[in-house]
Amino acid sequence: MDKSHLDIVLKAAYYGIVIITVVFVILPIMGVEPSSLLVAGSILGLVIGFASQSIVGNLISGLFLIFERPIKLGNQVNIDGNVGIVEDISLISTIIRTFDGLYVRIPNEKVFTTTITNYVANVARRFEYVVGIRYSDDADQAIAIIKGLIEESPMALKNPAPGVFVDNLGDNSVNISVKIWAPATDWYAIKTELLWKIKKTLEENGIEIAFPQRVIWIGNEQKDQQLADPDNPTL
């Protein structure tokens, strides 16, 4: 059992021991028989039960999270739109520290019933670029340069193999799709590093990243013809 789930089990055992000790040890010493508390306890239990339905739901969901183990401490996750790192998993709630440094407490019932995206559950993760070059540039040369940079990167995985190919012909560029696999714990650093290297290396080899362009035709020719022959209205 990993540390995160061991903490939950220890907390549950701790509170269970405290309750049992109070009911069966401390109360008899004080002269209060546990049997005399049954009637009052049943009424109080009904009141507490209605008032704490969400707490019980969170508690049960926390126990299910122990057995299913979809997340662990330190995982990068997206839970109900909250993206960050799992800081703590208790019996009632889960704590996430967002990448902006915010503290987010999510009830376990919501954690268990919502969609969980765990970014590091698998060993490898793929990221993608779309590199648009000019139509006047050599796409084969650009692909060879990008493949060379991927080969030189020590953290880019060879299996699964990366993919570099012309994906589509856009309005202003030839779009090259780049798909790279990297370790899930380091993929973001590799993604940002390789993107800048690709841009710089392409430009050093005379291949420019395309940007939107428009060609404007001005109808001067028609105006010149009308001035030359004003008697012909079709010009």
C-alpha atoms as a PDB file:
ATOM      1  CA  MET A   1       0.000   0.000   0.000  1.00  0.00           C
ATOM      2  CA  ASP A   2       1.422   3.375  -0.960  1.00  0.00           C
ATOM      3  CA  LYS A   3       1.819   6.224   1.513  1.00  0.00           C
ATOM      4  CA  SER A   4      -1.286   8.185   0.471  1.00  0.00           C
ATOM      5  CA  HIS A   5      -3.695   5.290   1.060  1.00  0.00           C
ATOM      6  CA  LEU A   6      -1.857   4.163   4.180  1.00  0.00           C
ATOM      7  CA  ASP A   7      -2.501   7.613   5.668  1.00  0.00           C
ATOM      8  CA  ILE A   8      -6.244   7.243   5.040  1.00  0.00           C
ATOM      9  CA  VAL A   9      -6.356   3.799   6.683  1.00  0.00           C
ATOM     10  CA  LEU A  10      -4.407   5.070   9.704  1.00  0.00           C
ATOM     11  CA  LYS A  11      -6.771   8.020  10.138  1.00  0.00           C
ATOM     12  CA  ALA A  12      -9.816   5.727   9.973  1.00  0.00           C
ATOM     13  CA  ALA A  13      -8.264   3.349  12.503  1.00  0.00           C
ATOM     14  CA  TYR A  14      -7.347   6.254  14.791  1.00  0.00           C
ATOM     15  CA  TYR A  15     -10.869   7.691  14.942  1.00  0.00           C
ATOM     16  CA  GLY A  16     -12.364   4.220  15.307  1.00  0.00           C
ATOM     17  CA  ILE A  17     -10.146   3.468  18.316  1.00  0.00           C
ATOM     18  CA  VAL A  18     -11.016   6.826  19.898  1.00  0.00           C
ATOM     19  CA  ILE A  19     -14.772   6.192  19.573  1.00  0.00           C
ATOM     20  CA  ILE A  20     -14.544   2.623  20.922  1.00  0.00           C
ATOM     21  CA  THR A  21     -12.395   3.786  23.849  1.00  0.00           C
ATOM     22  CA  VAL A  22     -14.846   6.559  24.773  1.00  0.00           C
ATOM     23  CA  VAL A  23     -17.944   4.331  24.596  1.00  0.00           C
ATOM     24  CA  PHE A  24     -16.662   1.145  26.219  1.00  0.00           C
ATOM     25  CA  VAL A  25     -13.905   2.364  28.570  1.00  0.00           C
ATOM     26  CA  ILE A  26     -14.245   6.003  29.606  1.00  0.00           C
ATOM     27  CA  LEU A  27     -18.050   6.123  29.957  1.00  0.00           C
ATOM     28  CA  PRO A  28     -18.258   3.002  32.226  1.00  0.00           C
ATOM     29  CA  ILE A  29     -15.505   4.483  34.421  1.00  0.00           C
ATOM     30  CA  MET A  30     -17.598   7.640  34.757  1.00  0.00           C
ATOM     31  CA  GLY A  31     -20.591   5.505  35.773  1.00  0.00           C
ATOM     32  CA  VAL A  32     -22.448   5.841  32.485  1.00  0.00           C
ATOM     33  CA  GLU A  33     -23.597   2.531  31.063  1.00  0.00           C
ATOM     34  CA  PRO A  34     -23.404   2.270  27.280  1.00  0.00           C
ATOM     35  CA  SER A  35     -26.822   0.568  27.235  1.00  0.00           C
ATOM     36  CA  SER A  36     -28.424   3.690  28.660  1.00  0.00           C
ATOM     37  CA  LEU A  37     -27.163   5.624  25.701  1.00  0.00           C
ATOM     38  CA  LEU A  38     -28.909   3.421  23.152  1.00  0.00           C
ATOM     39  CA  VAL A  39     -32.220   5.293  23.151  1.00  0.00           C
ATOM     40  CA  ALA A  40     -30.647   8.736  23.213  1.00  0.00           C
ATOM     41  CA  GLY A  41     -28.045   7.570  20.735  1.00  0.00           C
ATOM     42  CA  SER A  42     -30.653   6.279  18.293  1.00  0.00           C
ATOM     43  CA  ILE A  43     -32.532   9.570  18.307  1.00  0.00           C
ATOM     44  CA  LEU A  44     -29.321  11.540  18.037  1.00  0.00           C
ATOM     45  CA  GLY A  45     -28.177   9.216  15.287  1.00  0.00           C
ATOM     46  CA  LEU A  46     -31.291   9.961  13.224  1.00  0.00           C
ATOM     47  CA  VAL A  47     -30.751  13.698  13.590  1.00  0.00           C
ATOM     48  CA  ILE A  48     -27.076  13.459  12.764  1.00  0.00           C
ATOM     49  CA  GLY A  49     -27.789  11.071   9.892  1.00  0.00           C
ATOM     50  CA  PHE A  50     -30.082  13.527   8.137  1.00  0.00           C
ATOM     51  CA  ALA A  51     -27.721  16.422   8.825  1.00  0.00           C
ATOM     52  CA  SER A  52     -24.578  14.635   7.670  1.00  0.00           C
ATOM     53  CA  GLN A  53     -25.638  12.769   4.548  1.00  0.00           C
ATOM     54  CA  SER A  54     -22.988  14.543   2.473  1.00  0.00           C
ATOM     55  CA  ILE A  55     -20.312  13.777   5.081  1.00  0.00           C
ATOM     56  CA  VAL A  56     -21.208  10.084   5.060  1.00  0.00           C
ATOM     57  CA  GLY A  57     -21.163  10.120   1.264  1.00  0.00           C
ATOM     58  CA  ASN A  58     -17.727  11.707   1.299  1.00  0.00           C
ATOM     59  CA  LEU A  59     -16.522   9.169   3.860  1.00  0.00           C
ATOM     60  CA  ILE A  60     -17.737   6.190   1.821  1.00  0.00           C
ATOM     61  CA  SER A  61     -16.285   7.720  -1.353  1.00  0.00           C
ATOM     62  CA  GLY A  62     -12.958   8.138   0.446  1.00  0.00           C
ATOM     63  CA  LEU A  63     -12.948   4.433   1.305  1.00  0.00           C
ATOM     64  CA  PHE A  64     -13.708   3.535  -2.326  1.00  0.00           C
ATOM     65  CA  LEU A  65     -10.818   5.751  -3.440  1.00  0.00           C
ATOM     66  CA  ILE A  66      -8.537   3.654  -1.229  1.00  0.00           C
ATOM     67  CA  PHE A  67      -9.423   0.455  -3.061  1.00  0.00           C
ATOM     68  CA  GLU A  68      -9.684   1.815  -6.603  1.00  0.00           C
ATOM     69  CA  ARG A  69      -6.619   4.069  -6.297  1.00  0.00           C
ATOM     70  CA  PRO A  70      -7.196   6.317  -9.342  1.00  0.00           C
ATOM     71  CA  ILE A  71      -4.917   9.016  -7.909  1.00  0.00           C
ATOM     72  CA  LYS A  72      -1.903   9.188  -5.600  1.00  0.00           C
ATOM     73  CA  LEU A  73      -0.018  11.892  -3.748  1.00  0.00           C
ATOM     74  CA  GLY A  74       2.094  13.937  -6.142  1.00  0.00           C
ATOM     75  CA  ASN A  75       0.046  13.042  -9.244  1.00  0.00           C
ATOM     76  CA  GLN A  76      -0.739  15.757 -11.775  1.00  0.00           C
ATOM     77  CA  VAL A  77      -4.504  15.514 -12.259  1.00  0.00           C
ATOM     78  CA  ASN A  78      -7.604  17.228 -13.570  1.00  0.00           C
ATOM     79  CA  ILE A  79     -10.584  16.685 -11.261  1.00  0.00           C
ATOM     80  CA  ASP A  80     -13.806  18.449 -12.182  1.00  0.00           C
ATOM     81  CA  GLY A  81     -11.862  21.156 -14.018  1.00  0.00           C
ATOM     82  CA  ASN A  82      -9.347  21.638 -11.190  1.00  0.00           C
ATOM     83  CA  VAL A  83      -5.876  21.027 -12.616  1.00  0.00           C
ATOM     84  CA  GLY A  84      -2.938  20.622 -10.262  1.00  0.00           C
ATOM     85  CA  ILE A  85      -0.924  18.295  -8.040  1.00  0.00           C
ATOM     86  CA  VAL A  86      -2.517  16.057  -5.391  1.00  0.00           C
ATOM     87  CA  GLU A  87      -1.305  17.264  -1.993  1.00  0.00           C
ATOM     88  CA  ASP A  88      -3.452  15.154   0.368  1.00  0.00           C
ATOM     89  CA  ILE A  89      -6.199  12.499   0.303  1.00  0.00           C
ATOM     90  CA  SER A  90      -8.176  12.333   3.543  1.00  0.00           C
ATOM     91  CA  LEU A  91     -11.337  10.441   4.471  1.00  0.00           C
ATOM     92  CA  ILE A  92     -13.577  13.414   3.635  1.00  0.00           C
ATOM     93  CA  SER A  93     -11.800  15.432   0.978  1.00  0.00           C
ATOM     94  CA  THR A  94      -8.910  15.625  -1.473  1.00  0.00           C
ATOM     95  CA  ILE A  95      -6.522  18.585  -1.566  1.00  0.00           C
ATOM     96  CA  ILE A  96      -5.089  19.857  -4.862  1.00  0.00           C
ATOM     97  CA  ARG A  97      -2.445  22.537  -5.348  1.00  0.00           C
ATOM     98  CA  THR A  98      -3.024  24.149  -8.718  1.00  0.00           C
ATOM     99  CA  PHE A  99      -0.155  25.184 -10.973  1.00  0.00           C
ATOM    100  CA  ASP A 100      -0.964  28.775  -9.966  1.00  0.00           C
ATOM    101  CA  GLY A 101      -0.286  27.875  -6.329  1.00  0.00           C
ATOM    102  CA  LEU A 102      -3.951  27.843  -5.254  1.00  0.00           C
ATOM    103  CA  TYR A 103      -5.308  25.540  -2.525  1.00  0.00           C
ATOM    104  CA  VAL A 104      -8.368  23.585  -3.714  1.00  0.00           C
ATOM    105  CA  ARG A 105     -10.339  21.253  -1.433  1.00  0.00           C
ATOM    106  CA  ILE A 106     -12.636  18.836  -3.282  1.00  0.00           C
ATOM    107  CA  PRO A 107     -15.135  16.602  -1.422  1.00  0.00           C
ATOM    108  CA  ASN A 108     -14.383  12.928  -1.988  1.00  0.00           C
ATOM    109  CA  GLU A 109     -17.916  12.299  -3.212  1.00  0.00           C
ATOM    110  CA  LYS A 110     -17.285  14.653  -6.130  1.00  0.00           C
ATOM    111  CA  VAL A 111     -13.838  13.157  -6.723  1.00  0.00           C
ATOM    112  CA  PHE A 112     -15.269   9.640  -6.890  1.00  0.00           C
ATOM    113  CA  THR A 113     -18.249  10.474  -9.117  1.00  0.00           C
ATOM    114  CA  THR A 114     -16.622  12.912 -11.568  1.00  0.00           C
ATOM    115  CA  THR A 115     -14.210  12.323 -14.435  1.00  0.00           C
ATOM    116  CA  ILE A 116     -10.581  12.143 -13.296  1.00  0.00           C
ATOM    117  CA  THR A 117      -7.740  12.800 -15.733  1.00  0.00           C
ATOM    118  CA  ASN A 118      -4.422  11.573 -14.333  1.00  0.00           C
ATOM    119  CA  TYR A 119      -1.598  13.000 -16.431  1.00  0.00           C
ATOM    120  CA  VAL A 120       1.127  10.779 -14.977  1.00  0.00           C
ATOM    121  CA  ALA A 121      -0.681   7.474 -14.464  1.00  0.00           C
ATOM    122  CA  ASN A 122       0.903   6.113 -17.651  1.00  0.00           C
ATOM    123  CA  VAL A 123       4.662   6.030 -18.136  1.00  0.00           C
ATOM    124  CA  ALA A 124       4.685   7.942 -21.442  1.00  0.00           C
ATOM    125  CA  ARG A 125       2.660  10.830 -22.812  1.00  0.00           C
ATOM    126  CA  ARG A 126       2.427  12.254 -26.329  1.00  0.00           C
ATOM    127  CA  PHE A 127       2.465  15.922 -27.297  1.00  0.00           C
ATOM    128  CA  GLU A 128       1.987  17.506 -30.713  1.00  0.00           C
ATOM    129  CA  TYR A 129       2.972  20.548 -32.766  1.00  0.00           C
ATOM    130  CA  VAL A 130       1.699  21.902 -36.041  1.00  0.00           C
ATOM    131  CA  VAL A 131       4.593  23.652 -37.807  1.00  0.00           C
ATOM    132  CA  GLY A 132       3.471  25.761 -40.764  1.00  0.00           C
ATOM    133  CA  ILE A 133       6.143  26.612 -43.374  1.00  0.00           C
ATOM    134  CA  ARG A 134       5.942  28.674 -46.572  1.00  0.00           C
ATOM    135  CA  TYR A 135       4.934  27.041 -49.822  1.00  0.00           C
ATOM    136  CA  SER A 136       8.256  28.184 -51.309  1.00  0.00           C
ATOM    137  CA  ASP A 137      10.235  26.208 -48.694  1.00  0.00           C
ATOM    138  CA  ASP A 138      11.357  22.581 -49.017  1.00  0.00           C
ATOM    139  CA  ALA A 139       9.012  20.478 -46.867  1.00  0.00           C
ATOM    140  CA  ASP A 140      11.250  17.387 -47.122  1.00  0.00           C
ATOM    141  CA  GLN A 141      14.179  19.381 -45.753  1.00  0.00           C
ATOM    142  CA  ALA A 142      12.031  20.733 -42.927  1.00  0.00           C
ATOM    143  CA  ILE A 143      10.884  17.222 -41.994  1.00  0.00           C
ATOM    144  CA  ALA A 144      14.494  15.961 -41.998  1.00  0.00           C
ATOM    145  CA  ILE A 145      15.576  18.837 -39.711  1.00  0.00           C
ATOM    146  CA  ILE A 146      12.744  18.200 -37.250  1.00  0.00           C
ATOM    147  CA  LYS A 147      13.449  14.453 -37.160  1.00  0.00           C
ATOM    148  CA  GLY A 148      17.127  15.190 -36.497  1.00  0.00           C
ATOM    149  CA  LEU A 149      16.268  17.420 -33.536  1.00  0.00           C
ATOM    150  CA  ILE A 150      14.012  14.736 -32.082  1.00  0.00           C
ATOM    151  CA  GLU A 151      16.795  12.161 -32.469  1.00  0.00           C
ATOM    152  CA  GLU A 152      19.208  14.455 -30.623  1.00  0.00           C
ATOM    153  CA  SER A 153      16.834  14.961 -27.688  1.00  0.00           C
ATOM    154  CA  PRO A 154      17.765  12.427 -24.955  1.00  0.00           C
ATOM    155  CA  MET A 155      14.248  12.458 -23.438  1.00  0.00           C
ATOM    156  CA  ALA A 156      12.231  11.964 -26.648  1.00  0.00           C
ATOM    157  CA  LEU A 157      11.206   8.313 -26.755  1.00  0.00           C
ATOM    158  CA  LYS A 158      12.073   6.116 -29.722  1.00  0.00           C
ATOM    159  CA  ASN A 159       9.365   3.612 -28.829  1.00  0.00           C
ATOM    160  CA  PRO A 160       6.601   4.594 -29.461  1.00  0.00           C
ATOM    161  CA  ALA A 161       8.256   6.223 -32.452  1.00  0.00           C
ATOM    162  CA  PRO A 162       7.724   9.925 -33.183  1.00  0.00           C
ATOM    163  CA  GLY A 163       5.788  11.006 -36.254  1.00  0.00           C
ATOM    164  CA  VAL A 164       6.693  13.910 -38.550  1.00  0.00           C
ATOM    165  CA  PHE A 165       4.687  14.378 -41.759  1.00  0.00           C
ATOM    166  CA  VAL A 166       2.793  16.886 -43.880  1.00  0.00           C
ATOM    167  CA  ASP A 167      -0.675  16.941 -42.402  1.00  0.00           C
ATOM    168  CA  ASN A 168      -2.508  19.370 -44.693  1.00  0.00           C
ATOM    169  CA  LEU A 169      -2.054  22.227 -47.129  1.00  0.00           C
ATOM    170  CA  GLY A 170      -3.394  25.367 -45.475  1.00  0.00           C
ATOM    171  CA  ASP A 171      -4.386  28.720 -46.924  1.00  0.00           C
ATOM    172  CA  ASN A 172      -1.024  30.272 -46.085  1.00  0.00           C
ATOM    173  CA  SER A 173       1.284  27.390 -45.196  1.00  0.00           C
ATOM    174  CA  VAL A 174       2.272  23.769 -45.597  1.00  0.00           C
ATOM    175  CA  ASN A 175       1.393  22.313 -42.199  1.00  0.00           C
ATOM    176  CA  ILE A 176       3.757  19.700 -40.777  1.00  0.00           C
ATOM    177  CA  SER A 177       2.388  17.588 -37.931  1.00  0.00           C
ATOM    178  CA  VAL A 178       4.919  16.617 -35.243  1.00  0.00           C
ATOM    179  CA  LYS A 179       3.953  13.940 -32.699  1.00  0.00           C
ATOM    180  CA  ILE A 180       6.457  13.057 -29.962  1.00  0.00           C
ATOM    181  CA  TRP A 181       6.311  10.664 -26.997  1.00  0.00           C
ATOM    182  CA  ALA A 182       8.118  11.553 -23.770  1.00  0.00           C
ATOM    183  CA  PRO A 183       8.155  10.446 -20.105  1.00  0.00           C
ATOM    184  CA  ALA A 184       4.947  11.626 -18.457  1.00  0.00           C
ATOM    185  CA  THR A 185       6.838  13.395 -15.666  1.00  0.00           C
ATOM    186  CA  ASP A 186       9.011  15.452 -18.050  1.00  0.00           C
ATOM    187  CA  TRP A 187       6.848  15.956 -21.140  1.00  0.00           C
ATOM    188  CA  TYR A 188       6.118  19.662 -20.611  1.00  0.00           C
ATOM    189  CA  ALA A 189       9.785  20.671 -20.299  1.00  0.00           C
ATOM    190  CA  ILE A 190      10.640  18.658 -23.406  1.00  0.00           C
ATOM    191  CA  LYS A 191       7.705  20.136 -25.318  1.00  0.00           C
ATOM    192  CA  THR A 192       8.705  23.743 -24.672  1.00  0.00           C
ATOM    193  CA  GLU A 193      12.422  23.100 -25.301  1.00  0.00           C
ATOM    194  CA  LEU A 194      11.949  21.265 -28.609  1.00  0.00           C
ATOM    195  CA  LEU A 195       9.441  23.774 -29.971  1.00  0.00           C
ATOM    196  CA  TRP A 196      11.929  26.644 -29.683  1.00  0.00           C
ATOM    197  CA  LYS A 197      14.755  24.529 -31.115  1.00  0.00           C
ATOM    198  CA  ILE A 198      12.631  23.594 -34.128  1.00  0.00           C
ATOM    199  CA  LYS A 199      11.764  27.218 -34.808  1.00  0.00           C
ATOM    200  CA  LYS A 200      15.375  28.439 -34.553  1.00  0.00           C
ATOM    201  CA  THR A 201      16.903  25.579 -36.558  1.00  0.00           C
ATOM    202  CA  LEU A 202      14.404  25.924 -39.403  1.00  0.00           C
ATOM    203  CA  GLU A 203      15.115  29.644 -39.695  1.00  0.00           C
ATOM    204  CA  GLU A 204      18.889  29.021 -39.615  1.00  0.00           C
ATOM    205  CA  ASN A 205      18.392  26.791 -42.676  1.00  0.00           C
ATOM    206  CA  GLY A 206      16.351  29.397 -44.549  1.00  0.00           C
ATOM    207  CA  ILE A 207      12.947  27.855 -43.762  1.00  0.00           C
ATOM    208  CA  GLU A 208      10.557  30.382 -42.282  1.00  0.00           C
ATOM    209  CA  ILE A 209       7.451  29.814 -40.213  1.00  0.00           C
ATOM    210  CA  ALA A 210       4.539  31.004 -42.353  1.00  0.00           C
ATOM    211  CA  PHE A 211       2.131  33.714 -41.284  1.00  0.00           C
ATOM    212  CA  PRO A 212      -1.224  34.774 -42.834  1.00  0.00           C
ATOM    213  CA  GLN A 213      -0.827  36.700 -46.092  1.00  0.00           C
ATOM    214  CA  ARG A 214      -3.278  38.257 -48.535  1.00  0.00           C
ATOM    215  CA  VAL A 215      -2.750  39.388 -52.140  1.00  0.00           C
ATOM    216  CA  ILE A 216      -4.787  42.465 -53.098  1.00  0.00           C
ATOM    217  CA  TRP A 217      -5.612  43.207 -56.748  1.00  0.00           C
ATOM    218  CA  ILE A 218      -6.544  46.828 -57.525  1.00  0.00           C
ATOM    219  CA  GLY A 219      -8.754  47.396 -60.557  1.00  0.00           C
ATOM    220  CA  ASN A 220      -6.639  50.106 -62.225  1.00  0.00           C
ATOM    221  CA  GLU A 221      -6.733  48.320 -65.566  1.00  0.00           C
ATOM    222  CA  GLN A 222     -10.521  48.629 -65.910  1.00  0.00           C
ATOM    223  CA  LYS A 223     -10.390  52.356 -64.995  1.00  0.00           C
ATOM    224  CA  ASP A 224      -7.644  52.991 -67.585  1.00  0.00           C
ATOM    225  CA  GLN A 225      -9.710  51.275 -70.303  1.00  0.00           C
ATOM    226  CA  GLN A 226     -12.772  53.398 -69.479  1.00  0.00           C
ATOM    227  CA  LEU A 227     -10.706  56.588 -69.742  1.00  0.00           C
ATOM    228  CA  ALA A 228      -9.242  55.444 -73.067  1.00  0.00           C
ATOM    229  CA  ASP A 229     -12.647  54.641 -74.634  1.00  0.00           C
ATOM    230  CA  PRO A 230     -15.444  56.563 -72.806  1.00  0.00           C
ATOM    231  CA  ASP A 231     -17.953  55.760 -75.602  1.00  0.00           C
ATOM    232  CA  ASN A 232     -17.883  52.025 -74.800  1.00  0.00           C
ATOM    233  CA  PRO A 233     -19.906  51.471 -71.579  1.00  0.00           C
ATOM    234  CA  THR A 234     -19.030  47.756 -71.400  1.00  0.00           C
ATOM    235  CA  LEU A 235     -15.400  48.495 -70.545  1.00  0.00           C
END
